[in-house]
PDB file of N, CA and C in Angstrom:
ATOM      1  N   MET A   1       0.919  -1.180  -0.138  1.00  0.00           N
ATOM      2  CA  MET A   1      -0.116   0.130  -0.095  1.00  0.00           C
ATOM      3  C   MET A   1       0.969   1.320   0.180  1.00  0.00           C
ATOM      4  N   LYS A   2       0.441   2.235  -0.679  1.00  0.00           N
ATOM      5  CA  LYS A   2       1.309   3.445  -0.862  1.00  0.00           C
ATOM      6  C   LYS A   2       1.200   4.274   0.205  1.00  0.00           C
ATOM      7  N   GLU A   3       2.171   4.879   0.855  1.00  0.00           N
ATOM      8  CA  GLU A   3       2.173   5.807   1.798  1.00  0.00           C
ATOM      9  C   GLU A   3       1.475   7.169   1.459  1.00  0.00           C
ATOM     10  N   LYS A   4       0.646   7.599   2.453  1.00  0.00           N
ATOM     11  CA  LYS A   4       0.120   8.785   2.088  1.00  0.00           C
ATOM     12  C   LYS A   4       0.942   9.997   2.473  1.00  0.00           C
ATOM     13  N   ARG A   5       0.684  11.136   1.715  1.00  0.00           N
ATOM     14  CA  ARG A   5       1.607  12.566   1.904  1.00  0.00           C
ATOM     15  C   ARG A   5       0.543  13.471   2.178  1.00  0.00           C
ATOM     16  N   ARG A   6       1.073  14.573   2.679  1.00  0.00           N
ATOM     17  CA  ARG A   6       0.339  15.784   3.016  1.00  0.00           C
ATOM     18  C   ARG A   6       0.397  16.563   1.629  1.00  0.00           C
ATOM     19  N   TRP A   7      -0.837  16.996   1.190  1.00  0.00           N
ATOM     20  CA  TRP A   7      -0.931  17.884  -0.082  1.00  0.00           C
ATOM     21  C   TRP A   7      -1.601  19.110   0.424  1.00  0.00           C
ATOM     22  N   LYS A   8      -1.144  20.309  -0.504  1.00  0.00           N
ATOM     23  CA  LYS A   8      -1.848  21.478  -0.287  1.00  0.00           C
ATOM     24  C   LYS A   8      -2.662  21.574  -1.512  1.00  0.00           C
ATOM     25  N   VAL A   9      -3.904  21.821  -1.309  1.00  0.00           N
ATOM     26  CA  VAL A   9      -5.059  21.862  -2.352  1.00  0.00           C
ATOM     27  C   VAL A   9      -5.608  23.353  -2.511  1.00  0.00           C
ATOM     28  N   PHE A  10      -5.629  23.785  -3.672  1.00  0.00           N
ATOM     29  CA  PHE A  10      -6.002  25.039  -3.979  1.00  0.00           C
ATOM     30  C   PHE A  10      -7.480  24.872  -4.706  1.00  0.00           C
ATOM     31  N   THR A  11      -8.374  25.491  -4.514  1.00  0.00           N
ATOM     32  CA  THR A  11      -9.768  25.439  -5.032  1.00  0.00           C
ATOM     33  C   THR A  11     -10.153  26.883  -5.412  1.00  0.00           C
ATOM     34  N   TYR A  12     -11.204  26.743  -6.192  1.00  0.00           N
ATOM     35  CA  TYR A  12     -11.714  27.933  -6.897  1.00  0.00           C
ATOM     36  C   TYR A  12     -13.181  27.776  -6.910  1.00  0.00           C
ATOM     37  N   ASN A  13     -14.153  28.462  -6.518  1.00  0.00           N
ATOM     38  CA  ASN A  13     -15.754  28.264  -6.693  1.00  0.00           C
ATOM     39  C   ASN A  13     -16.050  26.744  -6.348  1.00  0.00           C
ATOM     40  N   GLY A  14     -15.290  26.373  -5.207  1.00  0.00           N
ATOM     41  CA  GLY A  14     -15.523  24.753  -4.666  1.00  0.00           C
ATOM     42  C   GLY A  14     -15.016  23.759  -5.601  1.00  0.00           C
ATOM     43  N   LYS A  15     -14.144  24.153  -6.619  1.00  0.00           N
ATOM     44  CA  LYS A  15     -13.547  22.881  -7.424  1.00  0.00           C
ATOM     45  C   LYS A  15     -12.165  23.088  -7.454  1.00  0.00           C
ATOM     46  N   GLU A  16     -11.429  21.855  -7.117  1.00  0.00           N
ATOM     47  CA  GLU A  16      -9.980  21.946  -7.168  1.00  0.00           C
ATOM     48  C   GLU A  16      -9.334  22.101  -8.306  1.00  0.00           C
ATOM     49  N   ILE A  17      -8.454  23.038  -8.348  1.00  0.00           N
ATOM     50  CA  ILE A  17      -7.812  23.580  -9.635  1.00  0.00           C
ATOM     51  C   ILE A  17      -6.402  23.092  -9.745  1.00  0.00           C
ATOM     52  N   PHE A  18      -5.681  22.822  -8.497  1.00  0.00           N
ATOM     53  CA  PHE A  18      -4.270  22.581  -8.527  1.00  0.00           C
ATOM     54  C   PHE A  18      -3.975  21.846  -7.104  1.00  0.00           C
ATOM     55  N   ALA A  19      -2.888  21.089  -6.949  1.00  0.00           N
ATOM     56  CA  ALA A  19      -2.496  20.541  -5.658  1.00  0.00           C
ATOM     57  C   ALA A  19      -1.128  20.311  -5.820  1.00  0.00           C
ATOM     58  N   TYR A  20      -0.330  20.323  -4.699  1.00  0.00           N
ATOM     59  CA  TYR A  20       1.187  19.834  -4.787  1.00  0.00           C
ATOM     60  C   TYR A  20       1.433  19.241  -3.355  1.00  0.00           C
ATOM     61  N   THR A  21       2.367  18.226  -3.369  1.00  0.00           N
ATOM     62  CA  THR A  21       2.934  17.826  -1.865  1.00  0.00           C
ATOM     63  C   THR A  21       3.709  18.847  -1.320  1.00  0.00           C
ATOM     64  N   ILE A  22       3.495  18.883   0.265  1.00  0.00           N
ATOM     65  CA  ILE A  22       4.163  20.028   0.820  1.00  0.00           C
ATOM     66  C   ILE A  22       5.580  19.565   1.079  1.00  0.00           C
ATOM     67  N   PHE A  23       5.969  18.567   0.883  1.00  0.00           N
ATOM     68  CA  PHE A  23       7.253  18.050   1.063  1.00  0.00           C
ATOM     69  C   PHE A  23       8.246  18.948   0.021  1.00  0.00           C
ATOM     70  N   GLY A  24       9.175  19.808   0.621  1.00  0.00           N
ATOM     71  CA  GLY A  24      10.001  20.385  -0.233  1.00  0.00           C
ATOM     72  C   GLY A  24       9.647  21.688  -0.752  1.00  0.00           C
ATOM     73  N   GLU A  25       8.472  22.123  -0.057  1.00  0.00           N
ATOM     74  CA  GLU A  25       7.925  23.521  -0.463  1.00  0.00           C
ATOM     75  C   GLU A  25       8.923  24.476  -0.364  1.00  0.00           C
ATOM     76  N   GLY A  26       8.965  25.638  -1.356  1.00  0.00           N
ATOM     77  CA  GLY A  26       9.681  26.673  -0.955  1.00  0.00           C
ATOM     78  C   GLY A  26       8.951  27.813  -0.250  1.00  0.00           C
ATOM     79  N   ALA A  27       9.700  28.731   0.222  1.00  0.00           N
ATOM     80  CA  ALA A  27       9.288  29.728   1.131  1.00  0.00           C
ATOM     81  C   ALA A  27       8.005  30.545   0.636  1.00  0.00           C
ATOM     82  N   ASP A  28       8.239  30.937  -0.462  1.00  0.00           N
ATOM     83  CA  ASP A  28       7.098  31.815  -1.208  1.00  0.00           C
ATOM     84  C   ASP A  28       5.970  30.967  -2.237  1.00  0.00           C
ATOM     85  N   GLU A  29       6.206  29.877  -2.189  1.00  0.00           N
ATOM     86  CA  GLU A  29       5.835  28.917  -3.266  1.00  0.00           C
ATOM     87  C   GLU A  29       4.017  28.946  -3.196  1.00  0.00           C
ATOM     88  N   GLU A  30       3.508  29.014  -1.849  1.00  0.00           N
ATOM     89  CA  GLU A  30       2.147  29.173  -1.853  1.00  0.00           C
ATOM     90  C   GLU A  30       1.446  30.541  -2.589  1.00  0.00           C
ATOM     91  N   GLU A  31       2.105  31.759  -2.044  1.00  0.00           N
ATOM     92  CA  GLU A  31       1.709  32.878  -2.624  1.00  0.00           C
ATOM     93  C   GLU A  31       2.130  33.029  -4.046  1.00  0.00           C
ATOM     94  N   ALA A  32       3.071  32.534  -4.417  1.00  0.00           N
ATOM     95  CA  ALA A  32       3.195  32.429  -6.061  1.00  0.00           C
ATOM     96  C   ALA A  32       2.136  31.593  -6.854  1.00  0.00           C
ATOM     97  N   THR A  33       1.828  30.407  -6.191  1.00  0.00           N
ATOM     98  CA  THR A  33       0.908  29.619  -6.997  1.00  0.00           C
ATOM     99  C   THR A  33      -0.591  30.446  -6.969  1.00  0.00           C
ATOM    100  N   ILE A  34      -0.755  30.920  -5.661  1.00  0.00           N
ATOM    101  CA  ILE A  34      -2.124  31.623  -5.635  1.00  0.00           C
ATOM    102  C   ILE A  34      -2.164  32.715  -6.754  1.00  0.00           C
ATOM    103  N   ALA A  35      -1.065  33.442  -6.887  1.00  0.00           N
ATOM    104  CA  ALA A  35      -1.051  34.613  -7.790  1.00  0.00           C
ATOM    105  C   ALA A  35      -1.310  34.106  -9.257  1.00  0.00           C
ATOM    106  N   LEU A  36      -0.538  33.037  -9.540  1.00  0.00           N
ATOM    107  CA  LEU A  36      -0.828  32.380 -10.839  1.00  0.00           C
ATOM    108  C   LEU A  36      -2.259  31.858 -11.303  1.00  0.00           C
ATOM    109  N   LEU A  37      -2.762  31.201 -10.178  1.00  0.00           N
ATOM    110  CA  LEU A  37      -3.891  30.628 -10.489  1.00  0.00           C
ATOM    111  C   LEU A  37      -5.154  31.577 -10.566  1.00  0.00           C
ATOM    112  N   ALA A  38      -4.895  32.656 -10.005  1.00  0.00           N
ATOM    113  CA  ALA A  38      -5.815  33.828  -9.770  1.00  0.00           C
ATOM    114  C   ALA A  38      -5.747  34.390 -11.411  1.00  0.00           C
ATOM    115  N   TYR A  39      -4.416  34.637 -11.769  1.00  0.00           N
ATOM    116  CA  TYR A  39      -4.351  35.226 -13.162  1.00  0.00           C
ATOM    117  C   TYR A  39      -5.022  34.227 -14.214  1.00  0.00           C
ATOM    118  N   GLU A  40      -4.762  32.947 -14.297  1.00  0.00           N
ATOM    119  CA  GLU A  40      -5.247  32.021 -15.050  1.00  0.00           C
ATOM    120  C   GLU A  40      -6.870  31.846 -15.013  1.00  0.00           C
ATOM    121  N   ASN A  41      -7.267  31.958 -13.926  1.00  0.00           N
ATOM    122  CA  ASN A  41      -8.800  31.898 -13.627  1.00  0.00           C
ATOM    123  C   ASN A  41      -9.546  33.227 -13.572  1.00  0.00           C
ATOM    124  N   HIS A  42      -8.874  34.351 -14.130  1.00  0.00           N
ATOM    125  CA  HIS A  42      -9.369  35.457 -14.193  1.00  0.00           C
ATOM    126  C   HIS A  42     -10.269  36.027 -12.941  1.00  0.00           C
ATOM    127  N   CYS A  43      -9.422  36.018 -11.819  1.00  0.00           N
ATOM    128  CA  CYS A  43     -10.332  36.414 -10.433  1.00  0.00           C
ATOM    129  C   CYS A  43      -9.145  36.849  -9.568  1.00  0.00           C
ATOM    130  N   TYR A  44      -9.497  37.377  -8.509  1.00  0.00           N
ATOM    131  CA  TYR A  44      -8.637  38.073  -7.427  1.00  0.00           C
ATOM    132  C   TYR A  44      -8.095  36.748  -6.626  1.00  0.00           C
ATOM    133  N   PRO A  45      -6.729  37.175  -6.292  1.00  0.00           N
ATOM    134  CA  PRO A  45      -6.172  36.086  -5.431  1.00  0.00           C
ATOM    135  C   PRO A  45      -7.046  35.491  -3.932  1.00  0.00           C
ATOM    136  N   GLU A  46      -7.924  36.460  -3.592  1.00  0.00           N
ATOM    137  CA  GLU A  46      -8.565  36.039  -2.417  1.00  0.00           C
ATOM    138  C   GLU A  46      -9.639  35.162  -2.878  1.00  0.00           C
ATOM    139  N   ALA A  47     -10.148  34.636  -3.926  1.00  0.00           N
ATOM    140  CA  ALA A  47     -11.037  33.778  -4.282  1.00  0.00           C
ATOM    141  C   ALA A  47     -10.402  32.526  -4.390  1.00  0.00           C
ATOM    142  N   ILE A  48      -9.129  32.529  -4.316  1.00  0.00           N
ATOM    143  CA  ILE A  48      -8.456  31.003  -4.437  1.00  0.00           C
ATOM    144  C   ILE A  48      -8.337  30.419  -2.865  1.00  0.00           C
ATOM    145  N   HIS A  49      -8.815  29.511  -2.572  1.00  0.00           N
ATOM    146  CA  HIS A  49      -8.732  29.026  -1.290  1.00  0.00           C
ATOM    147  C   HIS A  49      -7.753  27.709  -1.107  1.00  0.00           C
ATOM    148  N   VAL A  50      -7.213  27.679   0.111  1.00  0.00           N
ATOM    149  CA  VAL A  50      -6.095  26.629   0.223  1.00  0.00           C
ATOM    150  C   VAL A  50      -6.538  25.818   1.368  1.00  0.00           C
ATOM    151  N   HIS A  51      -6.243  24.589   1.440  1.00  0.00           N
ATOM    152  CA  HIS A  51      -6.499  23.728   2.532  1.00  0.00           C
ATOM    153  C   HIS A  51      -5.547  22.412   2.157  1.00  0.00           C
ATOM    154  N   LYS A  52      -5.058  21.848   3.608  1.00  0.00           N
ATOM    155  CA  LYS A  52      -4.339  20.680   3.355  1.00  0.00           C
ATOM    156  C   LYS A  52      -5.008  19.302   3.684  1.00  0.00           C
ATOM    157  N   GLU A  53      -4.545  18.376   3.089  1.00  0.00           N
ATOM    158  CA  GLU A  53      -5.122  16.977   3.289  1.00  0.00           C
ATOM    159  C   GLU A  53      -4.216  15.877   2.949  1.00  0.00           C
ATOM    160  N   MET A  54      -4.354  14.879   3.522  1.00  0.00           N
ATOM    161  CA  MET A  54      -3.562  13.650   3.125  1.00  0.00           C
ATOM    162  C   MET A  54      -4.153  12.671   1.948  1.00  0.00           C
ATOM    163  N   ARG A  55      -3.276  12.351   1.038  1.00  0.00           N
ATOM    164  CA  ARG A  55      -3.586  11.600  -0.141  1.00  0.00           C
ATOM    165  C   ARG A  55      -2.705  10.504  -0.192  1.00  0.00           C
TER     166      ARG A  55
END
């Protein structure tokens, strides 16, 4: 059985749009990801929600 890892999940309007493992995450990676996802989805960064989960 595969070992579960902790993921950071980004959602917009209740739908998952991106996720990555927290292992090896850079200092400003979350903020940069939010800015990019907001740009790609034509919304404000405040509209992107982040939560952590095991997968």
